[in-house]
Amino acid sequence: MASQTIELTESLYKYLLQSGIQESPIAQELRAKPKSPRDGTECKSP
């Protein structure tokens, strides 16, 4: 289900870009980040 949502979001995003809608700096920053919610750091409880 999540992958379908991501694919839908990507196609909508491409459609919006083709429509000439300007991409906000925040959107650029989010798109530049990896899709994984983890940034490589993990909390390890003792």
N, C-alpha and C. Protein backbone atom coordinates (compact mmCIF):
# COMPACT_ATOMS: atom_id res chain seq x y z
N MET A 1 0.83 -1.20 0.00
CA MET A 1 0.00 0.00 0.00
C MET A 1 0.87 1.26 0.00
N ALA A 2 1.91 1.24 0.81
CA ALA A 2 2.77 2.42 0.89
C ALA A 2 3.46 2.70 -0.44
N SER A 3 3.90 1.64 -1.11
CA SER A 3 4.58 1.85 -2.39
C SER A 3 3.62 2.42 -3.43
N GLN A 4 2.37 2.01 -3.38
CA GLN A 4 1.38 2.57 -4.31
C GLN A 4 1.19 4.05 -4.02
N THR A 5 1.17 4.41 -2.75
CA THR A 5 1.02 5.81 -2.37
C THR A 5 2.20 6.63 -2.87
N ILE A 6 3.40 6.08 -2.72
CA ILE A 6 4.60 6.78 -3.18
C ILE A 6 4.56 6.96 -4.69
N GLU A 7 4.17 5.91 -5.42
CA GLU A 7 4.10 6.01 -6.88
C GLU A 7 3.07 7.06 -7.29
N LEU A 8 1.94 7.08 -6.64
CA LEU A 8 0.90 8.05 -6.94
C LEU A 8 1.40 9.46 -6.67
N THR A 9 2.07 9.63 -5.54
CA THR A 9 2.60 10.94 -5.18
C THR A 9 3.62 11.40 -6.21
N GLU A 10 4.49 10.48 -6.65
CA GLU A 10 5.50 10.84 -7.64
C GLU A 10 4.87 11.23 -8.96
N SER A 11 3.85 10.49 -9.39
CA SER A 11 3.23 10.86 -10.66
C SER A 11 2.49 12.18 -10.55
N LEU A 12 1.83 12.42 -9.44
CA LEU A 12 1.19 13.72 -9.23
C LEU A 12 2.22 14.83 -9.24
N TYR A 13 3.34 14.57 -8.60
CA TYR A 13 4.41 15.55 -8.50
C TYR A 13 4.95 15.89 -9.89
N LYS A 14 5.20 14.86 -10.70
CA LYS A 14 5.70 15.08 -12.06
C LYS A 14 4.67 15.86 -12.87
N TYR A 15 3.40 15.52 -12.70
CA TYR A 15 2.34 16.22 -13.42
C TYR A 15 2.33 17.70 -13.05
N LEU A 16 2.46 17.99 -11.76
CA LEU A 16 2.47 19.38 -11.32
C LEU A 16 3.67 20.13 -11.88
N LEU A 17 4.83 19.48 -11.91
CA LEU A 17 6.02 20.13 -12.46
C LEU A 17 5.82 20.41 -13.95
N GLN A 18 5.21 19.46 -14.67
CA GLN A 18 4.98 19.65 -16.10
C GLN A 18 3.95 20.75 -16.34
N SER A 19 3.08 20.97 -15.37
CA SER A 19 2.06 21.99 -15.51
C SER A 19 2.64 23.39 -15.30
N GLY A 20 3.89 23.45 -14.90
CA GLY A 20 4.53 24.75 -14.75
C GLY A 20 4.43 25.32 -13.35
N ILE A 21 3.96 24.52 -12.42
CA ILE A 21 3.86 25.01 -11.04
C ILE A 21 5.25 25.04 -10.43
N GLN A 22 5.60 26.15 -9.81
CA GLN A 22 6.93 26.29 -9.23
C GLN A 22 7.07 25.41 -8.00
N GLU A 23 8.25 24.82 -7.88
CA GLU A 23 8.54 23.98 -6.73
C GLU A 23 9.08 24.86 -5.61
N SER A 24 8.54 24.69 -4.42
CA SER A 24 9.00 25.50 -3.30
C SER A 24 10.34 24.99 -2.80
N PRO A 25 11.13 25.86 -2.16
CA PRO A 25 12.42 25.43 -1.61
C PRO A 25 12.27 24.28 -0.61
N ILE A 26 11.18 24.28 0.14
CA ILE A 26 10.95 23.20 1.11
C ILE A 26 10.76 21.88 0.37
N ALA A 27 10.00 21.91 -0.71
CA ALA A 27 9.78 20.70 -1.50
C ALA A 27 11.10 20.20 -2.09
N GLN A 28 11.94 21.12 -2.55
CA GLN A 28 13.25 20.73 -3.09
C GLN A 28 14.07 20.05 -2.01
N GLU A 29 14.05 20.63 -0.81
CA GLU A 29 14.84 20.08 0.29
C GLU A 29 14.33 18.69 0.67
N LEU A 30 13.01 18.52 0.73
CA LEU A 30 12.44 17.22 1.08
C LEU A 30 12.76 16.19 0.01
N ARG A 31 12.71 16.60 -1.26
CA ARG A 31 12.95 15.66 -2.34
C ARG A 31 14.43 15.24 -2.36
N ALA A 32 15.30 16.14 -1.91
CA ALA A 32 16.73 15.84 -1.91
C ALA A 32 17.09 14.83 -0.83
N LYS A 33 16.25 14.73 0.20
CA LYS A 33 16.53 13.79 1.28
C LYS A 33 16.16 12.37 0.86
N PRO A 34 16.81 11.38 1.44
CA PRO A 34 16.46 9.99 1.12
C PRO A 34 15.02 9.68 1.54
N LYS A 35 14.41 8.71 0.85
CA LYS A 35 13.01 8.39 1.14
C LYS A 35 12.84 7.67 2.47
N SER A 36 13.92 7.07 2.95
CA SER A 36 13.84 6.33 4.21
C SER A 36 13.66 7.30 5.37
N PRO A 37 12.76 7.00 6.30
CA PRO A 37 12.56 7.89 7.45
C PRO A 37 13.76 7.91 8.37
N ARG A 38 14.61 6.89 8.29
CA ARG A 38 15.79 6.85 9.16
C ARG A 38 16.93 7.65 8.53
N ASP A 39 17.63 8.40 9.35
CA ASP A 39 18.76 9.17 8.85
C ASP A 39 20.08 8.51 9.18
N GLY A 40 20.04 7.26 9.60
CA GLY A 40 21.27 6.54 9.89
C GLY A 40 21.57 6.45 11.37
N THR A 41 20.91 7.31 12.15
CA THR A 41 21.14 7.26 13.59
C THR A 41 20.00 6.50 14.25
N GLU A 42 20.33 5.63 15.15
CA GLU A 42 19.30 4.86 15.84
C GLU A 42 19.40 5.06 17.34
N CYS A 43 18.27 5.12 17.99
CA CYS A 43 18.23 5.19 19.45
C CYS A 43 18.36 3.78 20.00
N LYS A 44 19.34 3.57 20.80
CA LYS A 44 19.49 2.24 21.42
C LYS A 44 19.32 2.39 22.92
N SER A 45 18.33 1.72 23.44
CA SER A 45 18.12 1.80 24.89
C SER A 45 19.09 0.87 25.60
N PRO A 46 19.57 1.25 26.76
CA PRO A 46 20.53 0.42 27.49
C PRO A 46 19.93 -0.88 27.99
